[in-house]
N, C-alpha and C. Protein backbone atom coordinates (compact mmCIF):
# COMPACT_ATOMS: atom_id res chain seq x y z
N UNK A 1 15.75 68.77 180.43
CA UNK A 1 15.07 68.98 179.06
C UNK A 1 16.51 70.36 178.06
N UNK A 2 16.57 69.83 177.01
CA UNK A 2 17.76 69.83 175.88
C UNK A 2 17.14 70.93 176.26
N UNK A 3 18.25 72.30 175.11
CA UNK A 3 17.18 73.46 174.30
C UNK A 3 17.38 72.88 173.08
N UNK A 4 17.15 73.88 172.42
CA UNK A 4 16.40 73.73 170.51
C UNK A 4 18.01 73.40 169.84
N UNK A 5 19.17 74.21 170.56
CA UNK A 5 20.04 74.27 169.76
C UNK A 5 20.31 72.38 169.69
N UNK A 6 20.35 71.55 170.67
CA UNK A 6 20.43 70.51 170.99
C UNK A 6 19.75 69.03 170.58
N UNK A 7 18.01 69.54 170.66
CA UNK A 7 18.18 68.74 169.83
C UNK A 7 17.97 68.75 169.12
N UNK A 8 17.90 69.87 167.57
CA UNK A 8 18.59 69.76 166.25
C UNK A 8 19.46 68.89 165.65
N UNK A 9 20.48 69.41 166.68
CA UNK A 9 21.77 68.90 166.32
C UNK A 9 21.37 67.68 166.15
N UNK A 10 21.40 67.14 167.41
CA UNK A 10 21.00 65.15 167.66
C UNK A 10 20.36 65.62 166.10
N UNK A 11 19.02 65.66 166.32
CA UNK A 11 18.06 65.12 164.58
C UNK A 11 18.87 65.54 163.38
N UNK A 12 19.90 65.99 163.16
CA UNK A 12 21.07 66.12 162.04
C UNK A 12 21.58 65.39 161.79
N UNK A 13 21.93 64.86 163.28
CA UNK A 13 22.97 63.68 163.40
C UNK A 13 22.79 62.78 162.24
N UNK A 14 20.93 62.05 161.91
CA UNK A 14 20.90 60.84 160.94
C UNK A 14 20.44 61.02 159.70
N UNK A 15 19.40 63.20 160.31
CA UNK A 15 18.59 62.75 158.31
C UNK A 15 19.59 64.75 158.70
N UNK A 16 18.55 65.14 157.39
CA UNK A 16 18.02 67.02 157.55
C UNK A 16 17.62 67.66 157.70
N UNK A 17 17.37 68.52 158.10
CA UNK A 17 16.73 69.39 158.59
C UNK A 17 16.06 70.41 158.20
N UNK A 18 15.03 70.71 157.91
CA UNK A 18 13.88 71.94 157.80
C UNK A 18 13.15 73.06 158.58
N UNK A 19 12.56 74.34 157.62
CA UNK A 19 12.11 75.48 158.84
C UNK A 19 10.12 73.94 159.18
N UNK A 20 9.80 73.26 158.43
CA UNK A 20 9.02 72.75 158.93
C UNK A 20 9.49 71.44 159.62
N UNK A 21 10.29 70.30 159.19
CA UNK A 21 10.35 69.97 160.46
C UNK A 21 10.62 70.76 161.78
N UNK A 22 11.59 71.03 161.55
CA UNK A 22 11.93 71.49 162.66
C UNK A 22 10.45 72.28 163.61
N UNK A 23 9.88 73.42 162.79
CA UNK A 23 8.75 73.57 163.59
C UNK A 23 7.81 72.26 164.82
N UNK A 24 7.51 71.50 163.47
CA UNK A 24 6.96 70.78 164.03
C UNK A 24 7.35 69.46 164.64
N UNK A 25 8.51 69.06 164.87
CA UNK A 25 9.99 68.31 166.37
C UNK A 25 9.05 69.28 167.42
N UNK A 26 9.91 70.28 167.10
CA UNK A 26 10.52 71.67 168.33
C UNK A 26 10.11 72.61 168.65
N UNK A 27 8.61 73.12 167.52
CA UNK A 27 8.45 74.16 168.52
C UNK A 27 9.22 75.90 167.45
N UNK A 28 10.06 74.59 166.58
CA UNK A 28 11.27 76.23 166.17
C UNK A 28 10.94 77.00 165.40
N UNK A 29 10.14 78.23 165.54
CA UNK A 29 10.36 79.10 164.42
C UNK A 29 11.46 80.23 163.87
N UNK A 30 12.25 79.74 164.87
CA UNK A 30 13.76 80.25 163.66
C UNK A 30 15.37 79.77 163.07
N UNK A 31 14.21 78.58 162.30
CA UNK A 31 16.06 77.84 162.17
C UNK A 31 16.50 78.18 161.97
N UNK A 32 16.51 79.35 161.10
CA UNK A 32 17.81 79.90 160.39
C UNK A 32 18.77 80.60 161.62
N UNK A 33 18.94 80.75 162.68
CA UNK A 33 19.31 81.69 163.65
C UNK A 33 20.14 79.72 164.29
N UNK A 34 19.15 79.61 164.94
CA UNK A 34 19.53 78.02 165.37
C UNK A 34 20.17 77.90 164.75
N UNK A 35 20.37 77.84 163.23
CA UNK A 35 21.82 76.97 162.67
C UNK A 35 22.78 77.88 162.53
N UNK A 36 22.62 79.25 162.84
CA UNK A 36 23.95 80.31 162.81
C UNK A 36 24.94 80.04 164.23
N UNK A 37 23.27 79.66 165.08
CA UNK A 37 24.04 79.89 166.60
C UNK A 37 25.14 78.07 166.63
N UNK A 38 24.06 77.36 165.77
CA UNK A 38 25.65 76.13 165.10
C UNK A 38 26.80 75.99 165.02
N UNK A 39 26.98 76.77 163.36
CA UNK A 39 28.29 77.20 162.95
C UNK A 39 28.71 78.06 164.44
N UNK A 40 28.31 79.23 164.78
CA UNK A 40 29.50 79.77 165.60
C UNK A 40 30.09 79.27 166.52
N UNK A 41 29.12 77.88 167.13
CA UNK A 41 29.66 77.11 167.75
C UNK A 41 30.96 76.24 167.40
N UNK A 42 31.59 76.15 166.18
CA UNK A 42 32.47 74.83 165.68
C UNK A 42 31.53 74.79 163.91
N UNK A 43 30.45 73.71 164.27
CA UNK A 43 29.64 72.59 163.44
C UNK A 43 30.20 73.13 162.14
N UNK A 44 30.45 71.91 161.14
CA UNK A 44 30.42 72.52 159.75
C UNK A 44 28.71 72.05 158.99
N UNK A 45 27.47 72.77 159.68
CA UNK A 45 26.74 72.47 158.34
C UNK A 45 26.84 73.14 156.81
N UNK A 46 25.49 72.33 156.52
CA UNK A 46 25.43 72.87 154.84
C UNK A 46 23.91 73.37 154.45
N UNK A 47 23.69 74.54 153.50
CA UNK A 47 22.76 74.09 153.70
C UNK A 47 22.14 74.38 152.56
N UNK A 48 21.27 73.44 151.47
CA UNK A 48 20.42 73.06 150.99
C UNK A 48 19.85 74.26 150.15
N UNK A 49 19.12 74.82 148.96
CA UNK A 49 17.62 75.12 148.68
C UNK A 49 16.75 74.15 148.12
N UNK A 50 15.90 74.45 148.49
CA UNK A 50 15.04 73.15 148.06
C UNK A 50 13.78 73.96 147.41
N UNK A 51 13.49 73.49 146.17
CA UNK A 51 11.28 74.31 146.23
C UNK A 51 10.56 72.61 145.97
N UNK A 52 9.75 73.49 146.58
CA UNK A 52 7.95 72.36 146.72
C UNK A 52 7.05 72.78 146.12
N UNK A 53 6.34 73.20 145.70
CA UNK A 53 5.47 73.37 145.48
C UNK A 53 4.97 74.81 145.73
N UNK A 54 5.84 75.03 144.45
CA UNK A 54 6.46 76.60 144.43
C UNK A 54 6.39 77.35 144.94
N UNK A 55 7.59 77.07 146.56
CA UNK A 55 8.05 77.72 148.08
C UNK A 55 9.07 77.00 147.22
N UNK A 56 10.56 77.89 147.65
CA UNK A 56 11.69 77.66 147.95
C UNK A 56 11.94 77.87 150.00
N UNK A 57 12.83 77.22 150.03
CA UNK A 57 12.82 77.02 151.39
C UNK A 57 14.22 76.64 151.62
N UNK A 58 15.32 76.78 152.84
CA UNK A 58 17.17 75.77 153.41
C UNK A 58 16.50 74.87 154.31
N UNK A 59 17.11 73.94 153.48
CA UNK A 59 17.47 72.86 153.73
C UNK A 59 18.97 71.83 154.52
N UNK A 60 19.15 71.86 156.09
CA UNK A 60 20.33 71.84 156.48
C UNK A 60 21.10 70.99 157.07
N UNK A 61 22.12 69.93 156.89
CA UNK A 61 22.65 68.74 157.04
C UNK A 61 24.04 69.02 157.25
N UNK A 62 24.47 68.03 158.58
CA UNK A 62 25.83 67.88 158.95
C UNK A 62 26.50 67.91 158.07
N UNK A 63 27.67 68.31 157.54
CA UNK A 63 28.56 68.22 156.96
C UNK A 63 29.65 66.85 156.84
N UNK A 64 29.95 66.15 156.31
CA UNK A 64 30.66 65.32 156.23
C UNK A 64 31.98 64.67 156.21
């Protein structure tokens, strides 16, 4: 079984991920922590702040 980090990384290879998507797809409650761990491993990840229905959240994608 893949770790959440591996699952998130595989997902981000084709599209951005946000906290709601991470929860629904992988039951990940701490996406920012998983992203920080991936950055520590050397992955270049871009953070973009979004707003939807008056709520702000981060969306993450792999840098090109």
